[in-house]
């Protein structure tokens, strides 16, 4: 899957890019034969208060036929926010595929 990765207020290192690509590739087993039209990932620092410390934000916008999945998570650790986005996106893909199957069954 082709993933466009963008960094906001953070320097994108090859390690971060590889980690994001690896996590997005894990989603292919949930997608199956569903084609991905576009997948954009944005990682960066979120604006927080003075006492909050660094809060990382990860947002994924995935376009598949008939639906646009937008998932955003905030965490104190960058890699944890990427993992949470991947988990939530996997649930959303499963839900999308179940709806497709239900529509086919009702047509019979």
PDB file of N, CA and C in Angstrom:
ATOM      1  N   UNK A   1       0.844  -1.166   0.000  1.00  0.00           N
ATOM      2  CA  UNK A   1       0.000   0.000   0.000  1.00  0.00           C
ATOM      3  C   UNK A   1       0.897   1.238   0.000  1.00  0.00           C
ATOM      4  N   UNK A   2       0.553   2.199  -0.843  1.00  0.00           N
ATOM      5  CA  UNK A   2       1.320   3.434  -0.915  1.00  0.00           C
ATOM      6  C   UNK A   2       0.803   4.394   0.151  1.00  0.00           C
ATOM      7  N   UNK A   3       1.707   4.829   1.009  1.00  0.00           N
ATOM      8  CA  UNK A   3       1.346   5.709   2.114  1.00  0.00           C
ATOM      9  C   UNK A   3       2.132   7.009   1.977  1.00  0.00           C
ATOM     10  N   UNK A   4       1.418   8.143   2.015  1.00  0.00           N
ATOM     11  CA  UNK A   4       2.065   9.451   2.022  1.00  0.00           C
ATOM     12  C   UNK A   4       2.203   9.894   3.469  1.00  0.00           C
ATOM     13  N   UNK A   5       3.450  10.109   3.919  1.00  0.00           N
ATOM     14  CA  UNK A   5       3.719  10.440   5.311  1.00  0.00           C
ATOM     15  C   UNK A   5       4.179  11.891   5.390  1.00  0.00           C
ATOM     16  N   UNK A   6       3.573  12.634   6.317  1.00  0.00           N
ATOM     17  CA  UNK A   6       3.893  14.041   6.488  1.00  0.00           C
ATOM     18  C   UNK A   6       4.197  14.298   7.952  1.00  0.00           C
ATOM     19  N   UNK A   7       5.185  15.110   8.230  1.00  0.00           N
ATOM     20  CA  UNK A   7       5.532  15.484   9.590  1.00  0.00           C
ATOM     21  C   UNK A   7       5.178  16.938   9.851  1.00  0.00           C
ATOM     22  N   UNK A   8       4.550  17.205  10.987  1.00  0.00           N
ATOM     23  CA  UNK A   8       4.182  18.552  11.369  1.00  0.00           C
ATOM     24  C   UNK A   8       4.856  18.881  12.696  1.00  0.00           C
ATOM     25  N   UNK A   9       5.674  19.925  12.687  1.00  0.00           N
ATOM     26  CA  UNK A   9       6.410  20.378  13.879  1.00  0.00           C
ATOM     27  C   UNK A   9       7.323  19.284  14.432  1.00  0.00           C
ATOM     28  N   UNK A  10       7.744  18.379  13.568  1.00  0.00           N
ATOM     29  CA  UNK A  10       8.623  17.285  13.970  1.00  0.00           C
ATOM     30  C   UNK A  10       9.458  16.880  12.760  1.00  0.00           C
ATOM     31  N   UNK A  11      10.682  16.453  13.013  1.00  0.00           N
ATOM     32  CA  UNK A  11      11.533  15.993  11.922  1.00  0.00           C
ATOM     33  C   UNK A  11      11.243  14.518  11.674  1.00  0.00           C
ATOM     34  N   UNK A  12      10.902  14.200  10.426  1.00  0.00           N
ATOM     35  CA  UNK A  12      10.628  12.809  10.073  1.00  0.00           C
ATOM     36  C   UNK A  12      11.941  12.075   9.834  1.00  0.00           C
ATOM     37  N   UNK A  13      12.241  11.145  10.701  1.00  0.00           N
ATOM     38  CA  UNK A  13      13.441  10.341  10.540  1.00  0.00           C
ATOM     39  C   UNK A  13      13.077   9.082   9.758  1.00  0.00           C
ATOM     40  N   UNK A  14      14.064   8.417   9.175  1.00  0.00           N
ATOM     41  CA  UNK A  14      13.775   7.161   8.469  1.00  0.00           C
ATOM     42  C   UNK A  14      13.147   6.105   9.385  1.00  0.00           C
ATOM     43  N   UNK A  15      13.501   6.121  10.687  1.00  0.00           N
ATOM     44  CA  UNK A  15      12.926   5.162  11.622  1.00  0.00           C
ATOM     45  C   UNK A  15      11.413   5.378  11.766  1.00  0.00           C
ATOM     46  N   UNK A  16      11.002   6.652  11.852  1.00  0.00           N
ATOM     47  CA  UNK A  16       9.575   6.953  11.982  1.00  0.00           C
ATOM     48  C   UNK A  16       8.843   6.554  10.705  1.00  0.00           C
ATOM     49  N   UNK A  17       9.424   6.889   9.557  1.00  0.00           N
ATOM     50  CA  UNK A  17       8.791   6.542   8.280  1.00  0.00           C
ATOM     51  C   UNK A  17       8.640   5.033   8.136  1.00  0.00           C
ATOM     52  N   UNK A  18       9.689   4.292   8.479  1.00  0.00           N
ATOM     53  CA  UNK A  18       9.633   2.828   8.377  1.00  0.00           C
ATOM     54  C   UNK A  18       8.594   2.244   9.337  1.00  0.00           C
ATOM     55  N   UNK A  19       8.511   2.802  10.541  1.00  0.00           N
ATOM     56  CA  UNK A  19       7.553   2.311  11.534  1.00  0.00           C
ATOM     57  C   UNK A  19       6.129   2.535  11.046  1.00  0.00           C
ATOM     58  N   UNK A  20       5.855   3.729  10.533  1.00  0.00           N
ATOM     59  CA  UNK A  20       4.510   4.032  10.019  1.00  0.00           C
ATOM     60  C   UNK A  20       4.178   3.118   8.842  1.00  0.00           C
ATOM     61  N   UNK A  21       5.123   2.949   7.919  1.00  0.00           N
ATOM     62  CA  UNK A  21       4.892   2.101   6.747  1.00  0.00           C
ATOM     63  C   UNK A  21       4.618   0.658   7.166  1.00  0.00           C
ATOM     64  N   UNK A  22       5.374   0.170   8.154  1.00  0.00           N
ATOM     65  CA  UNK A  22       5.190  -1.193   8.640  1.00  0.00           C
ATOM     66  C   UNK A  22       3.800  -1.377   9.244  1.00  0.00           C
ATOM     67  N   UNK A  23       3.354  -0.413  10.031  1.00  0.00           N
ATOM     68  CA  UNK A  23       2.035  -0.500  10.663  1.00  0.00           C
ATOM     69  C   UNK A  23       0.914  -0.414   9.625  1.00  0.00           C
ATOM     70  N   UNK A  24       1.066   0.429   8.628  1.00  0.00           N
ATOM     71  CA  UNK A  24       0.037   0.548   7.595  1.00  0.00           C
ATOM     72  C   UNK A  24       0.001  -0.706   6.715  1.00  0.00           C
ATOM     73  N   UNK A  25       1.159  -1.335   6.506  1.00  0.00           N
ATOM     74  CA  UNK A  25       1.196  -2.582   5.734  1.00  0.00           C
ATOM     75  C   UNK A  25       0.481  -3.710   6.473  1.00  0.00           C
ATOM     76  N   UNK A  26       0.466  -3.646   7.819  1.00  0.00           N
ATOM     77  CA  UNK A  26      -0.236  -4.664   8.599  1.00  0.00           C
ATOM     78  C   UNK A  26      -1.738  -4.637   8.335  1.00  0.00           C
ATOM     79  N   UNK A  27      -2.251  -3.497   7.889  1.00  0.00           N
ATOM     80  CA  UNK A  27      -3.688  -3.356   7.646  1.00  0.00           C
ATOM     81  C   UNK A  27      -4.145  -4.062   6.378  1.00  0.00           C
ATOM     82  N   UNK A  28      -3.210  -4.439   5.516  1.00  0.00           N
ATOM     83  CA  UNK A  28      -3.573  -5.085   4.257  1.00  0.00           C
ATOM     84  C   UNK A  28      -4.291  -6.412   4.478  1.00  0.00           C
ATOM     85  N   UNK A  29      -3.982  -7.104   5.564  1.00  0.00           N
ATOM     86  CA  UNK A  29      -4.665  -8.368   5.825  1.00  0.00           C
ATOM     87  C   UNK A  29      -6.131  -8.135   6.152  1.00  0.00           C
ATOM     88  N   UNK A  30      -6.479  -6.975   6.723  1.00  0.00           N
ATOM     89  CA  UNK A  30      -7.879  -6.659   6.998  1.00  0.00           C
ATOM     90  C   UNK A  30      -8.596  -6.176   5.740  1.00  0.00           C
ATOM     91  N   UNK A  31      -7.862  -5.503   4.869  1.00  0.00           N
ATOM     92  CA  UNK A  31      -8.465  -4.963   3.655  1.00  0.00           C
ATOM     93  C   UNK A  31      -8.839  -6.062   2.661  1.00  0.00           C
ATOM     94  N   UNK A  32      -8.002  -7.062   2.538  1.00  0.00           N
ATOM     95  CA  UNK A  32      -8.272  -8.139   1.587  1.00  0.00           C
ATOM     96  C   UNK A  32      -8.234  -7.607   0.170  1.00  0.00           C
ATOM     97  N   UNK A  33      -9.352  -7.746  -0.544  1.00  0.00           N
ATOM     98  CA  UNK A  33      -9.418  -7.310  -1.940  1.00  0.00           C
ATOM     99  C   UNK A  33      -9.943  -5.885  -2.086  1.00  0.00           C
ATOM    100  N   UNK A  34     -10.219  -5.209  -0.977  1.00  0.00           N
ATOM    101  CA  UNK A  34     -10.717  -3.835  -1.036  1.00  0.00           C
ATOM    102  C   UNK A  34      -9.559  -2.915  -1.434  1.00  0.00           C
ATOM    103  N   UNK A  35      -9.697  -2.188  -2.545  1.00  0.00           N
ATOM    104  CA  UNK A  35      -8.602  -1.318  -2.973  1.00  0.00           C
ATOM    105  C   UNK A  35      -8.545  -0.029  -2.156  1.00  0.00           C
ATOM    106  N   UNK A  36      -7.324   0.427  -1.881  1.00  0.00           N
ATOM    107  CA  UNK A  36      -7.119   1.693  -1.184  1.00  0.00           C
ATOM    108  C   UNK A  36      -6.842   2.753  -2.240  1.00  0.00           C
ATOM    109  N   UNK A  37      -7.690   3.766  -2.292  1.00  0.00           N
ATOM    110  CA  UNK A  37      -7.521   4.830  -3.272  1.00  0.00           C
ATOM    111  C   UNK A  37      -6.404   5.765  -2.842  1.00  0.00           C
ATOM    112  N   UNK A  38      -6.413   6.164  -1.573  1.00  0.00           N
ATOM    113  CA  UNK A  38      -5.365   7.043  -1.047  1.00  0.00           C
ATOM    114  C   UNK A  38      -5.215   6.804   0.447  1.00  0.00           C
ATOM    115  N   UNK A  39      -3.992   6.974   0.938  1.00  0.00           N
ATOM    116  CA  UNK A  39      -3.722   6.841   2.365  1.00  0.00           C
ATOM    117  C   UNK A  39      -2.693   7.901   2.756  1.00  0.00           C
ATOM    118  N   UNK A  40      -3.120   8.853   3.580  1.00  0.00           N
ATOM    119  CA  UNK A  40      -2.249   9.922   4.043  1.00  0.00           C
ATOM    120  C   UNK A  40      -2.090   9.808   5.552  1.00  0.00           C
ATOM    121  N   UNK A  41      -0.840   9.883   6.021  1.00  0.00           N
ATOM    122  CA  UNK A  41      -0.552   9.818   7.449  1.00  0.00           C
ATOM    123  C   UNK A  41       0.184  11.093   7.834  1.00  0.00           C
ATOM    124  N   UNK A  42      -0.287  11.724   8.918  1.00  0.00           N
ATOM    125  CA  UNK A  42       0.375  12.922   9.416  1.00  0.00           C
ATOM    126  C   UNK A  42       0.754  12.689  10.869  1.00  0.00           C
ATOM    127  N   UNK A  43       2.038  12.828  11.177  1.00  0.00           N
ATOM    128  CA  UNK A  43       2.521  12.703  12.551  1.00  0.00           C
ATOM    129  C   UNK A  43       3.136  14.031  12.946  1.00  0.00           C
ATOM    130  N   UNK A  44       3.024  14.362  14.209  1.00  0.00           N
ATOM    131  CA  UNK A  44       3.607  15.620  14.644  1.00  0.00           C
ATOM    132  C   UNK A  44       3.300  15.917  16.088  1.00  0.00           C
ATOM    133  N   UNK A  45       3.726  17.089  16.498  1.00  0.00           N
ATOM    134  CA  UNK A  45       3.475  17.558  17.850  1.00  0.00           C
ATOM    135  C   UNK A  45       2.160  18.314  17.884  1.00  0.00           C
ATOM    136  N   UNK A  46       1.336  18.009  18.867  1.00  0.00           N
ATOM    137  CA  UNK A  46       0.078  18.730  19.051  1.00  0.00           C
ATOM    138  C   UNK A  46       0.339  19.908  19.974  1.00  0.00           C
ATOM    139  N   UNK A  47      -0.491  20.902  19.886  1.00  0.00           N
ATOM    140  CA  UNK A  47      -0.355  22.064  20.753  1.00  0.00           C
ATOM    141  C   UNK A  47      -0.932  21.710  22.112  1.00  0.00           C
ATOM    142  N   UNK A  48      -0.110  21.817  23.131  1.00  0.00           N
ATOM    143  CA  UNK A  48      -0.554  21.499  24.483  1.00  0.00           C
ATOM    144  C   UNK A  48      -0.237  22.641  25.422  1.00  0.00           C
ATOM    145  N   UNK A  49      -0.671  22.533  26.654  1.00  0.00           N
ATOM    146  CA  UNK A  49      -0.391  23.552  27.651  1.00  0.00           C
ATOM    147  C   UNK A  49       1.054  23.481  28.108  1.00  0.00           C
ATOM    148  N   UNK A  50       1.429  24.386  28.976  1.00  0.00           N
ATOM    149  CA  UNK A  50       2.810  24.443  29.449  1.00  0.00           C
ATOM    150  C   UNK A  50       3.179  23.230  30.280  1.00  0.00           C
ATOM    151  N   UNK A  51       2.241  22.717  31.055  1.00  0.00           N
ATOM    152  CA  UNK A  51       2.543  21.618  31.967  1.00  0.00           C
ATOM    153  C   UNK A  51       2.269  20.250  31.364  1.00  0.00           C
ATOM    154  N   UNK A  52       1.772  20.213  30.150  1.00  0.00           N
ATOM    155  CA  UNK A  52       1.423  18.934  29.525  1.00  0.00           C
ATOM    156  C   UNK A  52       2.643  18.175  29.028  1.00  0.00           C
ATOM    157  N   UNK A  53       3.689  18.874  28.683  1.00  0.00           N
ATOM    158  CA  UNK A  53       4.824  18.224  28.050  1.00  0.00           C
ATOM    159  C   UNK A  53       4.533  18.017  26.581  1.00  0.00           C
ATOM    160  N   UNK A  54       5.292  17.162  25.940  1.00  0.00           N
ATOM    161  CA  UNK A  54       5.083  16.902  24.520  1.00  0.00           C
ATOM    162  C   UNK A  54       3.918  15.934  24.331  1.00  0.00           C
ATOM    163  N   UNK A  55       2.999  16.309  23.458  1.00  0.00           N
ATOM    164  CA  UNK A  55       1.885  15.447  23.108  1.00  0.00           C
ATOM    165  C   UNK A  55       1.958  15.242  21.600  1.00  0.00           C
ATOM    166  N   UNK A  56       2.061  13.975  21.205  1.00  0.00           N
ATOM    167  CA  UNK A  56       2.186  13.645  19.788  1.00  0.00           C
ATOM    168  C   UNK A  56       0.824  13.321  19.204  1.00  0.00           C
ATOM    169  N   UNK A  57       0.648  13.711  17.958  1.00  0.00           N
ATOM    170  CA  UNK A  57      -0.614  13.529  17.252  1.00  0.00           C
ATOM    171  C   UNK A  57      -0.354  12.721  15.990  1.00  0.00           C
ATOM    172  N   UNK A  58      -1.188  11.719  15.761  1.00  0.00           N
ATOM    173  CA  UNK A  58      -1.121  10.936  14.530  1.00  0.00           C
ATOM    174  C   UNK A  58      -2.513  10.924  13.912  1.00  0.00           C
ATOM    175  N   UNK A  59      -2.557  11.253  12.631  1.00  0.00           N
ATOM    176  CA  UNK A  59      -3.824  11.278  11.914  1.00  0.00           C
ATOM    177  C   UNK A  59      -3.672  10.496  10.617  1.00  0.00           C
ATOM    178  N   UNK A  60      -4.644   9.624  10.352  1.00  0.00           N
ATOM    179  CA  UNK A  60      -4.649   8.844   9.118  1.00  0.00           C
ATOM    180  C   UNK A  60      -5.944   9.138   8.377  1.00  0.00           C
ATOM    181  N   UNK A  61      -5.805   9.461   7.095  1.00  0.00           N
ATOM    182  CA  UNK A  61      -6.954   9.641   6.221  1.00  0.00           C
ATOM    183  C   UNK A  61      -6.831   8.588   5.126  1.00  0.00           C
ATOM    184  N   UNK A  62      -7.735   7.609   5.149  1.00  0.00           N
ATOM    185  CA  UNK A  62      -7.700   6.516   4.182  1.00  0.00           C
ATOM    186  C   UNK A  62      -8.981   6.538   3.358  1.00  0.00           C
ATOM    187  N   UNK A  63      -8.815   6.577   2.063  1.00  0.00           N
ATOM    188  CA  UNK A  63      -9.969   6.590   1.177  1.00  0.00           C
ATOM    189  C   UNK A  63     -10.089   5.220   0.510  1.00  0.00           C
ATOM    190  N   UNK A  64     -11.223   4.581   0.760  1.00  0.00           N
ATOM    191  CA  UNK A  64     -11.545   3.318   0.119  1.00  0.00           C
ATOM    192  C   UNK A  64     -12.896   3.503  -0.569  1.00  0.00           C
ATOM    193  N   UNK A  65     -13.253   2.664  -1.517  1.00  0.00           N
ATOM    194  CA  UNK A  65     -14.477   2.888  -2.293  1.00  0.00           C
ATOM    195  C   UNK A  65     -15.710   3.094  -1.416  1.00  0.00           C
ATOM    196  N   UNK A  66     -16.315   4.262  -1.560  1.00  0.00           N
ATOM    197  CA  UNK A  66     -17.556   4.555  -0.854  1.00  0.00           C
ATOM    198  C   UNK A  66     -17.415   5.184   0.508  1.00  0.00           C
ATOM    199  N   UNK A  67     -16.214   5.275   1.043  1.00  0.00           N
ATOM    200  CA  UNK A  67     -16.067   5.813   2.396  1.00  0.00           C
ATOM    201  C   UNK A  67     -14.679   6.450   2.576  1.00  0.00           C
ATOM    202  N   UNK A  68     -14.636   7.438   3.462  1.00  0.00           N
ATOM    203  CA  UNK A  68     -13.391   8.103   3.823  1.00  0.00           C
ATOM    204  C   UNK A  68     -13.187   7.880   5.313  1.00  0.00           C
ATOM    205  N   UNK A  69     -12.157   7.139   5.674  1.00  0.00           N
ATOM    206  CA  UNK A  69     -11.876   6.848   7.084  1.00  0.00           C
ATOM    207  C   UNK A  69     -10.865   7.863   7.604  1.00  0.00           C
ATOM    208  N   UNK A  70     -11.241   8.588   8.662  1.00  0.00           N
ATOM    209  CA  UNK A  70     -10.369   9.583   9.270  1.00  0.00           C
ATOM    210  C   UNK A  70     -10.217   9.228  10.737  1.00  0.00           C
ATOM    211  N   UNK A  71      -8.988   8.939  11.146  1.00  0.00           N
ATOM    212  CA  UNK A  71      -8.707   8.549  12.526  1.00  0.00           C
ATOM    213  C   UNK A  71      -7.597   9.460  13.057  1.00  0.00           C
ATOM    214  N   UNK A  72      -7.789   9.975  14.281  1.00  0.00           N
ATOM    215  CA  UNK A  72      -6.789  10.841  14.902  1.00  0.00           C
ATOM    216  C   UNK A  72      -6.637  10.449  16.365  1.00  0.00           C
ATOM    217  N   UNK A  73      -5.397  10.321  16.812  1.00  0.00           N
ATOM    218  CA  UNK A  73      -5.115   9.958  18.204  1.00  0.00           C
ATOM    219  C   UNK A  73      -4.005  10.860  18.745  1.00  0.00           C
ATOM    220  N   UNK A  74      -4.090  11.153  20.048  1.00  0.00           N
ATOM    221  CA  UNK A  74      -3.082  11.948  20.754  1.00  0.00           C
ATOM    222  C   UNK A  74      -2.510  11.097  21.883  1.00  0.00           C
ATOM    223  N   UNK A  75      -1.201  11.099  22.029  1.00  0.00           N
ATOM    224  CA  UNK A  75      -0.530  10.348  23.093  1.00  0.00           C
ATOM    225  C   UNK A  75       0.753  11.071  23.498  1.00  0.00           C
ATOM    226  N   UNK A  76       1.294  10.685  24.641  1.00  0.00           N
ATOM    227  CA  UNK A  76       2.558  11.272  25.093  1.00  0.00           C
ATOM    228  C   UNK A  76       3.761  10.623  24.400  1.00  0.00           C
ATOM    229  N   UNK A  77       3.545   9.480  23.754  1.00  0.00           N
ATOM    230  CA  UNK A  77       4.597   8.783  23.018  1.00  0.00           C
ATOM    231  C   UNK A  77       4.176   8.667  21.552  1.00  0.00           C
ATOM    232  N   UNK A  78       5.074   9.025  20.650  1.00  0.00           N
ATOM    233  CA  UNK A  78       4.772   9.024  19.226  1.00  0.00           C
ATOM    234  C   UNK A  78       4.411   7.633  18.726  1.00  0.00           C
ATOM    235  N   UNK A  79       5.192   6.641  19.108  1.00  0.00           N
ATOM    236  CA  UNK A  79       4.962   5.284  18.623  1.00  0.00           C
ATOM    237  C   UNK A  79       3.652   4.710  19.172  1.00  0.00           C
ATOM    238  N   UNK A  80       3.286   5.095  20.385  1.00  0.00           N
ATOM    239  CA  UNK A  80       2.028   4.640  20.963  1.00  0.00           C
ATOM    240  C   UNK A  80       0.840   5.240  20.203  1.00  0.00           C
ATOM    241  N   UNK A  81       0.969   6.491  19.787  1.00  0.00           N
ATOM    242  CA  UNK A  81      -0.130   7.112  19.024  1.00  0.00           C
ATOM    243  C   UNK A  81      -0.279   6.453  17.652  1.00  0.00           C
ATOM    244  N   UNK A  82       0.842   6.061  17.040  1.00  0.00           N
ATOM    245  CA  UNK A  82       0.790   5.358  15.754  1.00  0.00           C
ATOM    246  C   UNK A  82       0.112   3.997  15.926  1.00  0.00           C
ATOM    247  N   UNK A  83       0.455   3.294  17.002  1.00  0.00           N
ATOM    248  CA  UNK A  83      -0.156   1.990  17.275  1.00  0.00           C
ATOM    249  C   UNK A  83      -1.662   2.104  17.505  1.00  0.00           C
ATOM    250  N   UNK A  84      -2.075   3.117  18.260  1.00  0.00           N
ATOM    251  CA  UNK A  84      -3.499   3.290  18.544  1.00  0.00           C
ATOM    252  C   UNK A  84      -4.279   3.620  17.281  1.00  0.00           C
ATOM    253  N   UNK A  85      -3.696   4.433  16.404  1.00  0.00           N
ATOM    254  CA  UNK A  85      -4.352   4.761  15.145  1.00  0.00           C
ATOM    255  C   UNK A  85      -4.515   3.503  14.303  1.00  0.00           C
ATOM    256  N   UNK A  86      -3.477   2.679  14.269  1.00  0.00           N
ATOM    257  CA  UNK A  86      -3.546   1.437  13.487  1.00  0.00           C
ATOM    258  C   UNK A  86      -4.640   0.522  14.023  1.00  0.00           C
ATOM    259  N   UNK A  87      -4.739   0.381  15.339  1.00  0.00           N
ATOM    260  CA  UNK A  87      -5.755  -0.479  15.940  1.00  0.00           C
ATOM    261  C   UNK A  87      -7.165   0.030  15.643  1.00  0.00           C
ATOM    262  N   UNK A  88      -7.360   1.328  15.770  1.00  0.00           N
ATOM    263  CA  UNK A  88      -8.678   1.910  15.507  1.00  0.00           C
ATOM    264  C   UNK A  88      -9.041   1.788  14.027  1.00  0.00           C
ATOM    265  N   UNK A  89      -8.054   1.966  13.163  1.00  0.00           N
ATOM    266  CA  UNK A  89      -8.288   1.841  11.727  1.00  0.00           C
ATOM    267  C   UNK A  89      -8.638   0.401  11.356  1.00  0.00           C
ATOM    268  N   UNK A  90      -8.008  -0.570  12.012  1.00  0.00           N
ATOM    269  CA  UNK A  90      -8.324  -1.980  11.758  1.00  0.00           C
ATOM    270  C   UNK A  90      -9.782  -2.262  12.126  1.00  0.00           C
ATOM    271  N   UNK A  91     -10.244  -1.721  13.258  1.00  0.00           N
ATOM    272  CA  UNK A  91     -11.646  -1.904  13.652  1.00  0.00           C
ATOM    273  C   UNK A  91     -12.584  -1.264  12.642  1.00  0.00           C
ATOM    274  N   UNK A  92     -12.227  -0.083  12.162  1.00  0.00           N
ATOM    275  CA  UNK A  92     -13.067   0.625  11.192  1.00  0.00           C
ATOM    276  C   UNK A  92     -13.150  -0.142   9.870  1.00  0.00           C
ATOM    277  N   UNK A  93     -12.045  -0.735   9.445  1.00  0.00           N
ATOM    278  CA  UNK A  93     -12.028  -1.510   8.200  1.00  0.00           C
ATOM    279  C   UNK A  93     -12.898  -2.760   8.348  1.00  0.00           C
ATOM    280  N   UNK A  94     -12.794  -3.443   9.493  1.00  0.00           N
ATOM    281  CA  UNK A  94     -13.625  -4.625   9.737  1.00  0.00           C
ATOM    282  C   UNK A  94     -15.103  -4.257   9.693  1.00  0.00           C
ATOM    283  N   UNK A  95     -15.452  -3.135  10.315  1.00  0.00           N
ATOM    284  CA  UNK A  95     -16.838  -2.677  10.332  1.00  0.00           C
ATOM    285  C   UNK A  95     -17.330  -2.361   8.920  1.00  0.00           C
ATOM    286  N   UNK A  96     -16.473  -1.725   8.118  1.00  0.00           N
ATOM    287  CA  UNK A  96     -16.811  -1.398   6.732  1.00  0.00           C
ATOM    288  C   UNK A  96     -17.071  -2.662   5.923  1.00  0.00           C
ATOM    289  N   UNK A  97     -16.203  -3.664   6.087  1.00  0.00           N
ATOM    290  CA  UNK A  97     -16.360  -4.907   5.333  1.00  0.00           C
ATOM    291  C   UNK A  97     -17.611  -5.669   5.769  1.00  0.00           C
ATOM    292  N   UNK A  98     -17.945  -5.634   7.074  1.00  0.00           N
ATOM    293  CA  UNK A  98     -19.161  -6.289   7.546  1.00  0.00           C
ATOM    294  C   UNK A  98     -20.393  -5.640   6.926  1.00  0.00           C
ATOM    295  N   UNK A  99     -20.382  -4.311   6.791  1.00  0.00           N
ATOM    296  CA  UNK A  99     -21.505  -3.619   6.163  1.00  0.00           C
ATOM    297  C   UNK A  99     -21.642  -4.024   4.704  1.00  0.00           C
ATOM    298  N   UNK A 100     -20.519  -4.182   4.006  1.00  0.00           N
ATOM    299  CA  UNK A 100     -20.567  -4.617   2.609  1.00  0.00           C
ATOM    300  C   UNK A 100     -21.176  -6.004   2.490  1.00  0.00           C
ATOM    301  N   UNK A 101     -20.778  -6.902   3.375  1.00  0.00           N
ATOM    302  CA  UNK A 101     -21.293  -8.270   3.348  1.00  0.00           C
ATOM    303  C   UNK A 101     -22.783  -8.278   3.657  1.00  0.00           C
ATOM    304  N   UNK A 102     -23.211  -7.469   4.634  1.00  0.00           N
ATOM    305  CA  UNK A 102     -24.628  -7.399   4.982  1.00  0.00           C
ATOM    306  C   UNK A 102     -25.464  -6.867   3.823  1.00  0.00           C
ATOM    307  N   UNK A 103     -24.951  -5.894   3.102  1.00  0.00           N
ATOM    308  CA  UNK A 103     -25.675  -5.346   1.946  1.00  0.00           C
ATOM    309  C   UNK A 103     -25.848  -6.414   0.875  1.00  0.00           C
ATOM    310  N   UNK A 104     -24.820  -7.218   0.653  1.00  0.00           N
ATOM    311  CA  UNK A 104     -24.909  -8.289  -0.348  1.00  0.00           C
ATOM    312  C   UNK A 104     -25.932  -9.333   0.054  1.00  0.00           C
ATOM    313  N   UNK A 105     -25.960  -9.671   1.334  1.00  0.00           N
ATOM    314  CA  UNK A 105     -26.902 -10.699   1.812  1.00  0.00           C
ATOM    315  C   UNK A 105     -28.349 -10.221   1.731  1.00  0.00           C
ATOM    316  N   UNK A 106     -28.583  -8.960   1.978  1.00  0.00           N
ATOM    317  CA  UNK A 106     -29.952  -8.436   1.919  1.00  0.00           C
ATOM    318  C   UNK A 106     -30.463  -8.382   0.475  1.00  0.00           C
ATOM    319  N   UNK A 107     -29.559  -8.299  -0.473  1.00  0.00           N
ATOM    320  CA  UNK A 107     -29.956  -8.233  -1.878  1.00  0.00           C
ATOM    321  C   UNK A 107     -30.490  -9.539  -2.407  1.00  0.00           C
ATOM    322  N   UNK A 108     -30.222 -10.631  -1.744  1.00  0.00           N
ATOM    323  CA  UNK A 108     -30.634 -11.953  -2.237  1.00  0.00           C
ATOM    324  C   UNK A 108     -32.064 -12.255  -1.942  1.00  0.00           C
TER     325      UNK A 108
END
